[in-house]
Amino acid sequence: MRVSLIHGSFFIAVSTVVLLATPSIASIYNNNWKSELAVSDFADSVTGSPARFTAGVGWTIEPGADDFYHEVYERPTSQGFQSTISGAPAFDNYHEALDIVSGQFAIDSLNGLAYFSINMNGQDELTADGSVDFVGFKHFYRIRISDNADFFGGYMFGVKDPYGNSVGNSFNGSNTYKSTQMWSDLSPSWVTGTGITTTGEGTLGYDEFTSEGDSNKIRSRIVGDSVEFALNYRGLGIDPASLSHFIFEANQGLTDPQNYFWNDKYNFDQAGSPYDPSEPPQNIYELDTLMGGYAPSMVPEPSSAMLWTLLFCLGGLRRRSH
């Protein structure tokens, strides 16, 4: 009996060390990526800030935040307006779930994953007269990635109505890729002209890379007022160089991928401007975009907690080896 107990104790001790030293292989997708990886942050203009709102009148767009000629839009409002403030349109309806506050990005080169977060100003729709309605993230949220700042070539991926499709708050949930999809702009017959800074080309946009819900390598989730993505770029065969430039996007409508970019599909008069009451937004409204750029070191940075756990486990293994 004593010999059996000794062997049993030794077996349990060794098993404990192995469990501590071996990372879980259940999923490579990390719900704690914001605390365990090096995260890049990109701030956006916020139309919903108090400085942009006048009660009973509406919301105005921060000067310089919207630039048609560079495919940068700050239009998380309805198309119509009834009044002006300092000569600029004051829009009656405002959409928190279309107003990007910031974007975040991190890369895990060990597992071939990239993470993105589109952080919104809330999930309500508001009117100038004070009404507030919760709608959730019922819109379209996308990320465009490319290896160049002009977005010539590259990919676009996104999720449709993550709230209505119940994507959940974990990258490992059953609906996490139910309504995600990816498009590419790589084939010579599909490339988007010369990029976002040349307008009115009338060229074709993105071609379908995966059909909706077809790939579990494009995952999304809702965490608070953020829509997050986990992209298995290695599994999809995407060169990590394509992760050096990106556009965060929140959009009310389902824009035809073959008609991107908007400043190719519409001219300036058709697009309208949130700054000119004589030519207000016509075909481009109820959306927000934010550009980001990153020079990837391709080295994931674990958190201090992970480092202490690893050191503890290695120390345990060394002690057992004597």
C-alpha atoms as a PDB file:
ATOM      1  CA  MET A   1       0.000   0.000   0.000  1.00  0.00           C
ATOM      2  CA  ARG A   2       2.766   2.462   0.880  1.00  0.00           C
ATOM      3  CA  VAL A   3       4.536   1.858  -2.426  1.00  0.00           C
ATOM      4  CA  SER A   4       1.284   2.389  -4.294  1.00  0.00           C
ATOM      5  CA  LEU A   5       0.696   5.664  -2.439  1.00  0.00           C
ATOM      6  CA  ILE A   6       4.178   6.899  -3.252  1.00  0.00           C
ATOM      7  CA  HIS A   7       3.781   6.109  -6.913  1.00  0.00           C
ATOM      8  CA  GLY A   8       0.332   7.595  -6.901  1.00  0.00           C
ATOM      9  CA  SER A   9       1.573  10.813  -5.325  1.00  0.00           C
ATOM     10  CA  PHE A  10       4.425  11.060  -7.784  1.00  0.00           C
ATOM     11  CA  PHE A  11       2.069  10.568 -10.712  1.00  0.00           C
ATOM     12  CA  ILE A  12      -0.267  13.285  -9.489  1.00  0.00           C
ATOM     13  CA  ALA A  13       2.593  15.748  -8.966  1.00  0.00           C
ATOM     14  CA  VAL A  14       4.018  15.187 -12.424  1.00  0.00           C
ATOM     15  CA  SER A  15       0.573  15.437 -14.007  1.00  0.00           C
ATOM     16  CA  THR A  16       0.006  18.766 -12.279  1.00  0.00           C
ATOM     17  CA  VAL A  17       3.223  20.191 -13.669  1.00  0.00           C
ATOM     18  CA  VAL A  18       2.419  18.987 -17.179  1.00  0.00           C
ATOM     19  CA  LEU A  19      -1.005  20.587 -17.050  1.00  0.00           C
ATOM     20  CA  LEU A  20       0.468  23.884 -15.922  1.00  0.00           C
ATOM     21  CA  ALA A  21       3.260  23.883 -18.451  1.00  0.00           C
ATOM     22  CA  THR A  22       1.167  22.900 -21.464  1.00  0.00           C
ATOM     23  CA  PRO A  23      -1.028  25.625 -23.018  1.00  0.00           C
ATOM     24  CA  SER A  24      -4.608  24.798 -23.848  1.00  0.00           C
ATOM     25  CA  ILE A  25      -5.106  23.641 -27.424  1.00  0.00           C
ATOM     26  CA  ALA A  26      -8.895  23.867 -27.344  1.00  0.00           C
ATOM     27  CA  SER A  27      -8.802  27.129 -29.289  1.00  0.00           C
ATOM     28  CA  ILE A  28      -6.155  29.472 -30.611  1.00  0.00           C
ATOM     29  CA  TYR A  29      -8.580  32.416 -30.436  1.00  0.00           C
ATOM     30  CA  ASN A  30      -7.875  34.615 -27.448  1.00  0.00           C
ATOM     31  CA  ASN A  31     -10.754  36.420 -25.767  1.00  0.00           C
ATOM     32  CA  ASN A  32      -8.217  38.294 -23.619  1.00  0.00           C
ATOM     33  CA  TRP A  33      -6.183  39.646 -26.521  1.00  0.00           C
ATOM     34  CA  LYS A  34      -6.449  43.258 -25.366  1.00  0.00           C
ATOM     35  CA  SER A  35      -4.622  42.471 -22.130  1.00  0.00           C
ATOM     36  CA  GLU A  36      -2.242  39.807 -23.415  1.00  0.00           C
ATOM     37  CA  LEU A  37      -0.978  41.309 -26.687  1.00  0.00           C
ATOM     38  CA  ALA A  38       0.544  44.634 -27.683  1.00  0.00           C
ATOM     39  CA  VAL A  39      -2.429  46.720 -28.832  1.00  0.00           C
ATOM     40  CA  SER A  40      -2.323  49.729 -31.168  1.00  0.00           C
ATOM     41  CA  ASP A  41      -5.017  52.373 -30.611  1.00  0.00           C
ATOM     42  CA  PHE A  42      -6.474  54.797 -33.160  1.00  0.00           C
ATOM     43  CA  ALA A  43      -8.790  57.637 -32.096  1.00  0.00           C
ATOM     44  CA  ASP A  44     -11.643  58.984 -34.201  1.00  0.00           C
ATOM     45  CA  SER A  45     -13.777  62.104 -34.175  1.00  0.00           C
ATOM     46  CA  VAL A  46     -16.937  61.519 -32.112  1.00  0.00           C
ATOM     47  CA  THR A  47     -20.053  63.211 -33.453  1.00  0.00           C
ATOM     48  CA  GLY A  48     -21.913  62.162 -30.324  1.00  0.00           C
ATOM     49  CA  SER A  49     -19.699  64.232 -28.031  1.00  0.00           C
ATOM     50  CA  PRO A  50     -21.498  67.040 -26.136  1.00  0.00           C
ATOM     51  CA  ALA A  51     -19.581  69.688 -28.095  1.00  0.00           C
ATOM     52  CA  ARG A  52     -21.238  68.594 -31.342  1.00  0.00           C
ATOM     53  CA  PHE A  53     -24.837  68.574 -30.088  1.00  0.00           C
ATOM     54  CA  THR A  54     -27.350  71.380 -29.573  1.00  0.00           C
ATOM     55  CA  ALA A  55     -30.575  70.290 -27.858  1.00  0.00           C
ATOM     56  CA  GLY A  56     -33.629  70.657 -30.062  1.00  0.00           C
ATOM     57  CA  VAL A  57     -31.472  71.429 -33.095  1.00  0.00           C
ATOM     58  CA  GLY A  58     -29.148  68.495 -33.829  1.00  0.00           C
ATOM     59  CA  TRP A  59     -25.612  67.260 -34.374  1.00  0.00           C
ATOM     60  CA  THR A  60     -22.851  68.827 -36.447  1.00  0.00           C
ATOM     61  CA  ILE A  61     -19.750  67.140 -37.879  1.00  0.00           C
ATOM     62  CA  GLU A  62     -16.315  68.171 -36.648  1.00  0.00           C
ATOM     63  CA  PRO A  63     -14.484  70.215 -39.302  1.00  0.00           C
ATOM     64  CA  GLY A  64     -11.905  68.139 -41.130  1.00  0.00           C
ATOM     65  CA  ALA A  65     -13.242  64.809 -39.888  1.00  0.00           C
ATOM     66  CA  ASP A  66     -14.953  64.028 -43.207  1.00  0.00           C
ATOM     67  CA  ASP A  67     -12.891  63.956 -46.420  1.00  0.00           C
ATOM     68  CA  PHE A  68     -14.516  62.509 -49.547  1.00  0.00           C
ATOM     69  CA  TYR A  69     -11.294  62.692 -51.545  1.00  0.00           C
ATOM     70  CA  HIS A  70      -9.503  60.359 -49.137  1.00  0.00           C
ATOM     71  CA  GLU A  71     -12.429  57.977 -48.444  1.00  0.00           C
ATOM     72  CA  VAL A  72     -12.705  59.244 -44.879  1.00  0.00           C
ATOM     73  CA  TYR A  73     -16.253  59.727 -43.619  1.00  0.00           C
ATOM     74  CA  GLU A  74     -17.748  60.995 -40.394  1.00  0.00           C
ATOM     75  CA  ARG A  75     -21.480  60.665 -41.056  1.00  0.00           C
ATOM     76  CA  PRO A  76     -23.170  58.713 -38.238  1.00  0.00           C
ATOM     77  CA  THR A  77     -26.330  60.755 -38.771  1.00  0.00           C
ATOM     78  CA  SER A  78     -29.443  60.700 -40.878  1.00  0.00           C
ATOM     79  CA  GLN A  79     -29.507  62.295 -44.299  1.00  0.00           C
ATOM     80  CA  GLY A  80     -31.851  65.145 -43.473  1.00  0.00           C
ATOM     81  CA  PHE A  81     -31.466  68.300 -41.430  1.00  0.00           C
ATOM     82  CA  GLN A  82     -33.813  71.124 -40.457  1.00  0.00           C
ATOM     83  CA  SER A  83     -31.440  73.737 -39.098  1.00  0.00           C
ATOM     84  CA  THR A  84     -27.885  74.978 -39.305  1.00  0.00           C
ATOM     85  CA  ILE A  85     -25.346  75.902 -36.647  1.00  0.00           C
ATOM     86  CA  SER A  86     -22.641  78.390 -37.616  1.00  0.00           C
ATOM     87  CA  GLY A  87     -23.494  77.746 -41.250  1.00  0.00           C
ATOM     88  CA  ALA A  88     -23.167  73.935 -41.041  1.00  0.00           C
ATOM     89  CA  PRO A  89     -26.038  71.416 -41.238  1.00  0.00           C
ATOM     90  CA  ALA A  90     -27.354  70.192 -37.883  1.00  0.00           C
ATOM     91  CA  PHE A  91     -28.662  66.661 -38.396  1.00  0.00           C
ATOM     92  CA  ASP A  92     -31.849  65.510 -36.683  1.00  0.00           C
ATOM     93  CA  ASN A  93     -31.032  61.848 -36.058  1.00  0.00           C
ATOM     94  CA  TYR A  94     -27.846  60.396 -34.634  1.00  0.00           C
ATOM     95  CA  HIS A  95     -26.725  56.731 -34.472  1.00  0.00           C
ATOM     96  CA  GLU A  96     -24.406  55.798 -31.613  1.00  0.00           C
ATOM     97  CA  ALA A  97     -23.823  52.358 -33.134  1.00  0.00           C
ATOM     98  CA  LEU A  98     -22.447  54.030 -36.280  1.00  0.00           C
ATOM     99  CA  ASP A  99     -20.183  56.508 -34.493  1.00  0.00           C
ATOM    100  CA  ILE A 100     -16.678  55.064 -34.129  1.00  0.00           C
ATOM    101  CA  VAL A 101     -14.849  56.324 -31.060  1.00  0.00           C
ATOM    102  CA  SER A 102     -11.650  54.394 -31.680  1.00  0.00           C
ATOM    103  CA  GLY A 103     -10.182  51.336 -33.336  1.00  0.00           C
ATOM    104  CA  GLN A 104      -7.736  48.805 -31.905  1.00  0.00           C
ATOM    105  CA  PHE A 105      -5.421  46.268 -33.494  1.00  0.00           C
ATOM    106  CA  ALA A 106      -3.092  43.527 -32.291  1.00  0.00           C
ATOM    107  CA  ILE A 107      -1.249  40.692 -33.952  1.00  0.00           C
ATOM    108  CA  ASP A 108      -0.403  37.228 -32.636  1.00  0.00           C
ATOM    109  CA  SER A 109       2.228  35.930 -35.033  1.00  0.00           C
ATOM    110  CA  LEU A 110       2.668  32.729 -33.027  1.00  0.00           C
ATOM    111  CA  ASN A 111      -0.821  31.565 -33.982  1.00  0.00           C
ATOM    112  CA  GLY A 112      -1.164  33.583 -37.192  1.00  0.00           C
ATOM    113  CA  LEU A 113      -4.005  35.729 -35.863  1.00  0.00           C
ATOM    114  CA  ALA A 114      -4.890  39.407 -36.090  1.00  0.00           C
ATOM    115  CA  TYR A 115      -7.398  41.089 -33.789  1.00  0.00           C
ATOM    116  CA  PHE A 116      -9.439  44.216 -34.442  1.00  0.00           C
ATOM    117  CA  SER A 117     -11.899  46.153 -32.316  1.00  0.00           C
ATOM    118  CA  ILE A 118     -14.334  48.792 -33.567  1.00  0.00           C
ATOM    119  CA  ASN A 119     -15.269  50.754 -30.460  1.00  0.00           C
ATOM    120  CA  MET A 120     -18.567  52.581 -30.825  1.00  0.00           C
ATOM    121  CA  ASN A 121     -20.188  55.417 -28.871  1.00  0.00           C
ATOM    122  CA  GLY A 122     -23.100  53.250 -27.747  1.00  0.00           C
ATOM    123  CA  GLN A 123     -26.014  51.293 -29.179  1.00  0.00           C
ATOM    124  CA  ASP A 124     -28.859  53.838 -29.187  1.00  0.00           C
ATOM    125  CA  GLU A 125     -30.492  55.983 -31.847  1.00  0.00           C
ATOM    126  CA  LEU A 126     -31.208  59.542 -30.722  1.00  0.00           C
ATOM    127  CA  THR A 127     -33.194  62.449 -32.093  1.00  0.00           C
ATOM    128  CA  ALA A 128     -32.643  66.152 -31.538  1.00  0.00           C
ATOM    129  CA  ASP A 129     -35.908  66.422 -29.609  1.00  0.00           C
ATOM    130  CA  GLY A 130     -34.646  63.989 -26.957  1.00  0.00           C
ATOM    131  CA  SER A 131     -35.993  60.553 -27.882  1.00  0.00           C
ATOM    132  CA  VAL A 132     -33.682  57.578 -27.317  1.00  0.00           C
ATOM    133  CA  ASP A 133     -34.166  54.059 -28.685  1.00  0.00           C
ATOM    134  CA  PHE A 134     -31.919  51.056 -28.150  1.00  0.00           C
ATOM    135  CA  VAL A 135     -31.213  49.240 -31.418  1.00  0.00           C
ATOM    136  CA  GLY A 136     -28.021  47.294 -30.727  1.00  0.00           C
ATOM    137  CA  PHE A 137     -25.359  46.560 -33.311  1.00  0.00           C
ATOM    138  CA  LYS A 138     -27.764  45.841 -36.147  1.00  0.00           C
ATOM    139  CA  HIS A 139     -25.600  47.404 -38.857  1.00  0.00           C
ATOM    140  CA  PHE A 140     -22.610  46.286 -40.938  1.00  0.00           C
ATOM    141  CA  TYR A 141     -19.121  46.401 -39.472  1.00  0.00           C
ATOM    142  CA  ARG A 142     -16.095  45.870 -41.684  1.00  0.00           C
ATOM    143  CA  ILE A 143     -12.318  46.083 -41.766  1.00  0.00           C
ATOM    144  CA  ARG A 144     -10.358  46.823 -44.939  1.00  0.00           C
ATOM    145  CA  ILE A 145      -6.692  45.784 -44.923  1.00  0.00           C
ATOM    146  CA  SER A 146      -3.872  46.412 -47.381  1.00  0.00           C
ATOM    147  CA  ASP A 147      -0.091  46.552 -47.639  1.00  0.00           C
ATOM    148  CA  ASN A 148      -0.198  50.188 -48.791  1.00  0.00           C
ATOM    149  CA  ALA A 149      -1.696  53.441 -47.501  1.00  0.00           C
ATOM    150  CA  ASP A 150      -3.676  53.997 -50.705  1.00  0.00           C
ATOM    151  CA  PHE A 151      -5.467  50.634 -50.329  1.00  0.00           C
ATOM    152  CA  PHE A 152      -4.639  49.449 -53.807  1.00  0.00           C
ATOM    153  CA  GLY A 153      -5.361  45.734 -53.555  1.00  0.00           C
ATOM    154  CA  GLY A 154      -5.929  43.934 -50.273  1.00  0.00           C
ATOM    155  CA  TYR A 155      -8.910  42.453 -48.475  1.00  0.00           C
ATOM    156  CA  MET A 156     -12.115  43.424 -46.736  1.00  0.00           C
ATOM    157  CA  PHE A 157     -13.921  41.380 -44.089  1.00  0.00           C
ATOM    158  CA  GLY A 158     -16.847  42.080 -41.823  1.00  0.00           C
ATOM    159  CA  VAL A 159     -19.934  40.985 -39.965  1.00  0.00           C
ATOM    160  CA  LYS A 160     -23.586  41.656 -40.750  1.00  0.00           C
ATOM    161  CA  ASP A 161     -25.972  42.597 -37.925  1.00  0.00           C
ATOM    162  CA  PRO A 162     -23.941  41.015 -35.103  1.00  0.00           C
ATOM    163  CA  TYR A 163     -26.659  41.881 -32.585  1.00  0.00           C
ATOM    164  CA  GLY A 164     -29.472  40.247 -34.568  1.00  0.00           C
ATOM    165  CA  ASN A 165     -27.300  37.249 -35.404  1.00  0.00           C
ATOM    166  CA  SER A 166     -26.420  36.724 -31.738  1.00  0.00           C
ATOM    167  CA  VAL A 167     -22.679  36.473 -32.239  1.00  0.00           C
ATOM    168  CA  GLY A 168     -22.162  36.460 -28.457  1.00  0.00           C
ATOM    169  CA  ASN A 169     -19.214  37.718 -26.432  1.00  0.00           C
ATOM    170  CA  SER A 170     -16.700  34.931 -27.115  1.00  0.00           C
ATOM    171  CA  PHE A 171     -14.670  34.110 -30.212  1.00  0.00           C
ATOM    172  CA  ASN A 172     -15.382  30.469 -29.449  1.00  0.00           C
ATOM    173  CA  GLY A 173     -19.185  30.729 -29.511  1.00  0.00           C
ATOM    174  CA  SER A 174     -21.376  28.793 -31.919  1.00  0.00           C
ATOM    175  CA  ASN A 175     -22.466  31.910 -33.868  1.00  0.00           C
ATOM    176  CA  THR A 176     -19.132  33.702 -33.957  1.00  0.00           C
ATOM    177  CA  TYR A 177     -18.724  33.309 -37.734  1.00  0.00           C
ATOM    178  CA  LYS A 178     -22.398  32.894 -38.666  1.00  0.00           C
ATOM    179  CA  SER A 179     -22.572  36.232 -40.493  1.00  0.00           C
ATOM    180  CA  THR A 180     -18.927  37.025 -41.264  1.00  0.00           C
ATOM    181  CA  GLN A 181     -17.507  37.226 -44.767  1.00  0.00           C
ATOM    182  CA  MET A 182     -14.370  38.254 -46.678  1.00  0.00           C
ATOM    183  CA  TRP A 183     -13.680  39.837 -50.061  1.00  0.00           C
ATOM    184  CA  SER A 184     -10.421  40.364 -51.936  1.00  0.00           C
ATOM    185  CA  ASP A 185      -9.073  42.982 -54.322  1.00  0.00           C
ATOM    186  CA  LEU A 186      -6.181  40.985 -55.762  1.00  0.00           C
ATOM    187  CA  SER A 187      -7.138  39.709 -59.195  1.00  0.00           C
ATOM    188  CA  PRO A 188      -6.133  42.109 -62.012  1.00  0.00           C
ATOM    189  CA  SER A 189      -9.694  42.038 -63.297  1.00  0.00           C
ATOM    190  CA  TRP A 190     -11.045  43.278 -59.960  1.00  0.00           C
ATOM    191  CA  VAL A 191      -8.519  45.769 -58.627  1.00  0.00           C
ATOM    192  CA  THR A 192      -9.898  49.087 -57.414  1.00  0.00           C
ATOM    193  CA  GLY A 193      -8.184  51.399 -59.863  1.00  0.00           C
ATOM    194  CA  THR A 194      -5.268  53.227 -58.293  1.00  0.00           C
ATOM    195  CA  GLY A 195      -6.581  53.356 -54.742  1.00  0.00           C
ATOM    196  CA  ILE A 196      -8.653  55.652 -52.587  1.00  0.00           C
ATOM    197  CA  THR A 197      -7.041  58.960 -53.499  1.00  0.00           C
ATOM    198  CA  THR A 198      -8.005  58.792 -57.175  1.00  0.00           C
ATOM    199  CA  THR A 199     -11.726  59.382 -57.461  1.00  0.00           C
ATOM    200  CA  GLY A 200     -14.367  58.720 -60.084  1.00  0.00           C
ATOM    201  CA  GLU A 201     -12.564  55.866 -61.845  1.00  0.00           C
ATOM    202  CA  GLY A 202     -15.667  53.734 -62.154  1.00  0.00           C
ATOM    203  CA  THR A 203     -13.622  50.576 -61.651  1.00  0.00           C
ATOM    204  CA  LEU A 204     -14.709  47.373 -60.003  1.00  0.00           C
ATOM    205  CA  GLY A 205     -14.099  46.723 -56.329  1.00  0.00           C
ATOM    206  CA  TYR A 206     -13.785  43.606 -54.196  1.00  0.00           C
ATOM    207  CA  ASP A 207     -14.462  40.042 -55.321  1.00  0.00           C
ATOM    208  CA  GLU A 208     -15.910  37.436 -52.971  1.00  0.00           C
ATOM    209  CA  PHE A 209     -13.200  35.558 -51.086  1.00  0.00           C
ATOM    210  CA  THR A 210     -15.471  33.596 -48.742  1.00  0.00           C
ATOM    211  CA  SER A 211     -19.247  33.391 -48.705  1.00  0.00           C
ATOM    212  CA  GLU A 212     -21.213  34.543 -45.664  1.00  0.00           C
ATOM    213  CA  GLY A 213     -20.766  32.184 -42.716  1.00  0.00           C
ATOM    214  CA  ASP A 214     -18.540  29.880 -44.753  1.00  0.00           C
ATOM    215  CA  SER A 215     -15.250  30.300 -42.867  1.00  0.00           C
ATOM    216  CA  ASN A 216     -14.599  29.874 -39.155  1.00  0.00           C
ATOM    217  CA  LYS A 217     -11.317  31.712 -39.697  1.00  0.00           C
ATOM    218  CA  ILE A 218     -13.165  35.061 -39.632  1.00  0.00           C
ATOM    219  CA  ARG A 219     -14.756  35.475 -36.210  1.00  0.00           C
ATOM    220  CA  SER A 220     -16.591  38.291 -34.477  1.00  0.00           C
ATOM    221  CA  ARG A 221     -18.046  39.041 -31.080  1.00  0.00           C
ATOM    222  CA  ILE A 222     -19.676  41.888 -29.120  1.00  0.00           C
ATOM    223  CA  VAL A 223     -18.001  43.118 -25.949  1.00  0.00           C
ATOM    224  CA  GLY A 224     -19.713  46.100 -24.341  1.00  0.00           C
ATOM    225  CA  ASP A 225     -19.960  48.798 -27.000  1.00  0.00           C
ATOM    226  CA  SER A 226     -17.357  47.180 -29.258  1.00  0.00           C
ATOM    227  CA  VAL A 227     -17.523  44.856 -32.241  1.00  0.00           C
ATOM    228  CA  GLU A 228     -14.377  42.732 -32.315  1.00  0.00           C
ATOM    229  CA  PHE A 229     -12.820  40.490 -34.943  1.00  0.00           C
ATOM    230  CA  ALA A 230     -10.333  37.636 -34.840  1.00  0.00           C
ATOM    231  CA  LEU A 231      -8.819  36.943 -38.258  1.00  0.00           C
ATOM    232  CA  ASN A 232      -6.854  33.762 -38.900  1.00  0.00           C
ATOM    233  CA  TYR A 233      -4.723  35.348 -41.594  1.00  0.00           C
ATOM    234  CA  ARG A 234      -2.334  32.405 -41.766  1.00  0.00           C
ATOM    235  CA  GLY A 235      -5.141  29.914 -42.226  1.00  0.00           C
ATOM    236  CA  LEU A 236      -6.613  32.086 -44.993  1.00  0.00           C
ATOM    237  CA  GLY A 237      -3.254  32.392 -46.767  1.00  0.00           C
ATOM    238  CA  ILE A 238      -3.017  36.164 -46.264  1.00  0.00           C
ATOM    239  CA  ASP A 239       0.421  37.744 -46.306  1.00  0.00           C
ATOM    240  CA  PRO A 240       0.937  39.524 -42.945  1.00  0.00           C
ATOM    241  CA  ALA A 241       2.224  42.527 -44.915  1.00  0.00           C
ATOM    242  CA  SER A 242      -1.434  43.157 -45.762  1.00  0.00           C
ATOM    243  CA  LEU A 243      -1.997  44.003 -42.106  1.00  0.00           C
ATOM    244  CA  SER A 244       0.068  47.181 -42.247  1.00  0.00           C
ATOM    245  CA  HIS A 245      -2.836  49.494 -43.205  1.00  0.00           C
ATOM    246  CA  PHE A 246      -6.521  49.208 -42.362  1.00  0.00           C
ATOM    247  CA  ILE A 247      -9.844  51.033 -42.357  1.00  0.00           C
ATOM    248  CA  PHE A 248     -12.401  50.478 -39.599  1.00  0.00           C
ATOM    249  CA  GLU A 249     -15.935  50.882 -40.904  1.00  0.00           C
ATOM    250  CA  ALA A 250     -19.471  51.066 -39.463  1.00  0.00           C
ATOM    251  CA  ASN A 251     -22.197  51.274 -42.101  1.00  0.00           C
ATOM    252  CA  GLN A 252     -25.978  51.318 -42.027  1.00  0.00           C
ATOM    253  CA  GLY A 253     -26.390  49.773 -45.471  1.00  0.00           C
ATOM    254  CA  LEU A 254     -25.116  46.781 -47.406  1.00  0.00           C
ATOM    255  CA  THR A 255     -22.729  48.405 -49.867  1.00  0.00           C
ATOM    256  CA  ASP A 256     -22.024  46.320 -52.966  1.00  0.00           C
ATOM    257  CA  PRO A 257     -18.400  45.112 -52.593  1.00  0.00           C
ATOM    258  CA  GLN A 258     -17.934  45.451 -56.348  1.00  0.00           C
ATOM    259  CA  ASN A 259     -18.695  49.178 -56.094  1.00  0.00           C
ATOM    260  CA  TYR A 260     -16.092  50.081 -53.490  1.00  0.00           C
ATOM    261  CA  PHE A 261     -14.739  52.646 -53.017  1.00  0.00           C
ATOM    262  CA  TRP A 262     -17.499  55.208 -52.486  1.00  0.00           C
ATOM    263  CA  ASN A 263     -15.455  58.003 -53.997  1.00  0.00           C
ATOM    264  CA  ASP A 264     -15.238  55.880 -57.148  1.00  0.00           C
ATOM    265  CA  LYS A 265     -18.918  55.019 -57.214  1.00  0.00           C
ATOM    266  CA  TYR A 266     -20.105  58.605 -56.619  1.00  0.00           C
ATOM    267  CA  ASN A 267     -18.718  61.976 -57.552  1.00  0.00           C
ATOM    268  CA  PHE A 268     -18.527  64.745 -54.971  1.00  0.00           C
ATOM    269  CA  ASP A 269     -21.916  66.231 -55.859  1.00  0.00           C
ATOM    270  CA  GLN A 270     -23.591  62.819 -55.597  1.00  0.00           C
ATOM    271  CA  ALA A 271     -21.912  62.128 -52.286  1.00  0.00           C
ATOM    272  CA  GLY A 272     -22.759  65.503 -50.778  1.00  0.00           C
ATOM    273  CA  SER A 273     -21.035  67.054 -47.801  1.00  0.00           C
ATOM    274  CA  PRO A 274     -21.893  67.235 -44.090  1.00  0.00           C
ATOM    275  CA  TYR A 275     -20.459  70.760 -44.090  1.00  0.00           C
ATOM    276  CA  ASP A 276     -22.484  72.394 -46.864  1.00  0.00           C
ATOM    277  CA  PRO A 277     -26.234  72.967 -46.337  1.00  0.00           C
ATOM    278  CA  SER A 278     -26.647  73.611 -50.069  1.00  0.00           C
ATOM    279  CA  GLU A 279     -25.176  70.170 -50.895  1.00  0.00           C
ATOM    280  CA  PRO A 280     -25.889  67.926 -47.900  1.00  0.00           C
ATOM    281  CA  PRO A 281     -25.173  64.166 -47.936  1.00  0.00           C
ATOM    282  CA  GLN A 282     -27.024  62.473 -50.775  1.00  0.00           C
ATOM    283  CA  ASN A 283     -25.792  58.939 -51.411  1.00  0.00           C
ATOM    284  CA  ILE A 284     -23.272  58.619 -48.593  1.00  0.00           C
ATOM    285  CA  TYR A 285     -24.695  58.903 -45.082  1.00  0.00           C
ATOM    286  CA  GLU A 286     -25.212  56.850 -41.909  1.00  0.00           C
ATOM    287  CA  LEU A 287     -21.637  55.554 -41.784  1.00  0.00           C
ATOM    288  CA  ASP A 288     -18.283  56.197 -40.167  1.00  0.00           C
ATOM    289  CA  THR A 289     -14.742  55.199 -41.149  1.00  0.00           C
ATOM    290  CA  LEU A 290     -11.400  55.359 -39.378  1.00  0.00           C
ATOM    291  CA  MET A 291      -7.983  54.735 -40.911  1.00  0.00           C
ATOM    292  CA  GLY A 292      -5.106  53.068 -39.114  1.00  0.00           C
ATOM    293  CA  GLY A 293      -1.570  51.994 -39.908  1.00  0.00           C
ATOM    294  CA  TYR A 294       0.864  49.631 -38.282  1.00  0.00           C
ATOM    295  CA  ALA A 295       4.457  48.474 -38.782  1.00  0.00           C
ATOM    296  CA  PRO A 296       4.185  44.927 -37.414  1.00  0.00           C
ATOM    297  CA  SER A 297       7.094  43.578 -35.402  1.00  0.00           C
ATOM    298  CA  MET A 298       5.385  40.191 -35.678  1.00  0.00           C
ATOM    299  CA  VAL A 299       6.346  39.428 -32.064  1.00  0.00           C
ATOM    300  CA  PRO A 300       3.380  38.867 -29.728  1.00  0.00           C
ATOM    301  CA  GLU A 301       3.827  40.273 -26.256  1.00  0.00           C
ATOM    302  CA  PRO A 302       2.431  38.079 -23.476  1.00  0.00           C
ATOM    303  CA  SER A 303       1.079  39.646 -20.324  1.00  0.00           C
ATOM    304  CA  SER A 304       2.995  39.624 -17.058  1.00  0.00           C
ATOM    305  CA  ALA A 305       0.555  37.038 -15.682  1.00  0.00           C
ATOM    306  CA  MET A 306       1.355  34.667 -18.527  1.00  0.00           C
ATOM    307  CA  LEU A 307       5.103  35.189 -17.965  1.00  0.00           C
ATOM    308  CA  TRP A 308       4.832  34.417 -14.243  1.00  0.00           C
ATOM    309  CA  THR A 309       2.815  31.280 -14.992  1.00  0.00           C
ATOM    310  CA  LEU A 310       5.414  30.126 -17.500  1.00  0.00           C
ATOM    311  CA  LEU A 311       8.308  30.786 -15.102  1.00  0.00           C
ATOM    312  CA  PHE A 312       6.500  28.963 -12.304  1.00  0.00           C
ATOM    313  CA  CYS A 313       5.907  25.934 -14.503  1.00  0.00           C
ATOM    314  CA  LEU A 314       9.466  25.839 -15.779  1.00  0.00           C
ATOM    315  CA  GLY A 315      10.765  26.109 -12.234  1.00  0.00           C
ATOM    316  CA  GLY A 316       8.532  23.200 -11.212  1.00  0.00           C
ATOM    317  CA  LEU A 317       9.873  21.080 -14.066  1.00  0.00           C
ATOM    318  CA  ARG A 318      13.455  21.823 -13.102  1.00  0.00           C
ATOM    319  CA  ARG A 319      12.810  20.799  -9.487  1.00  0.00           C
ATOM    320  CA  ARG A 320      11.173  17.556 -10.576  1.00  0.00           C
ATOM    321  CA  SER A 321      14.164  16.673 -12.761  1.00  0.00           C
ATOM    322  CA  HIS A 322      16.535  16.263  -9.778  1.00  0.00           C
END
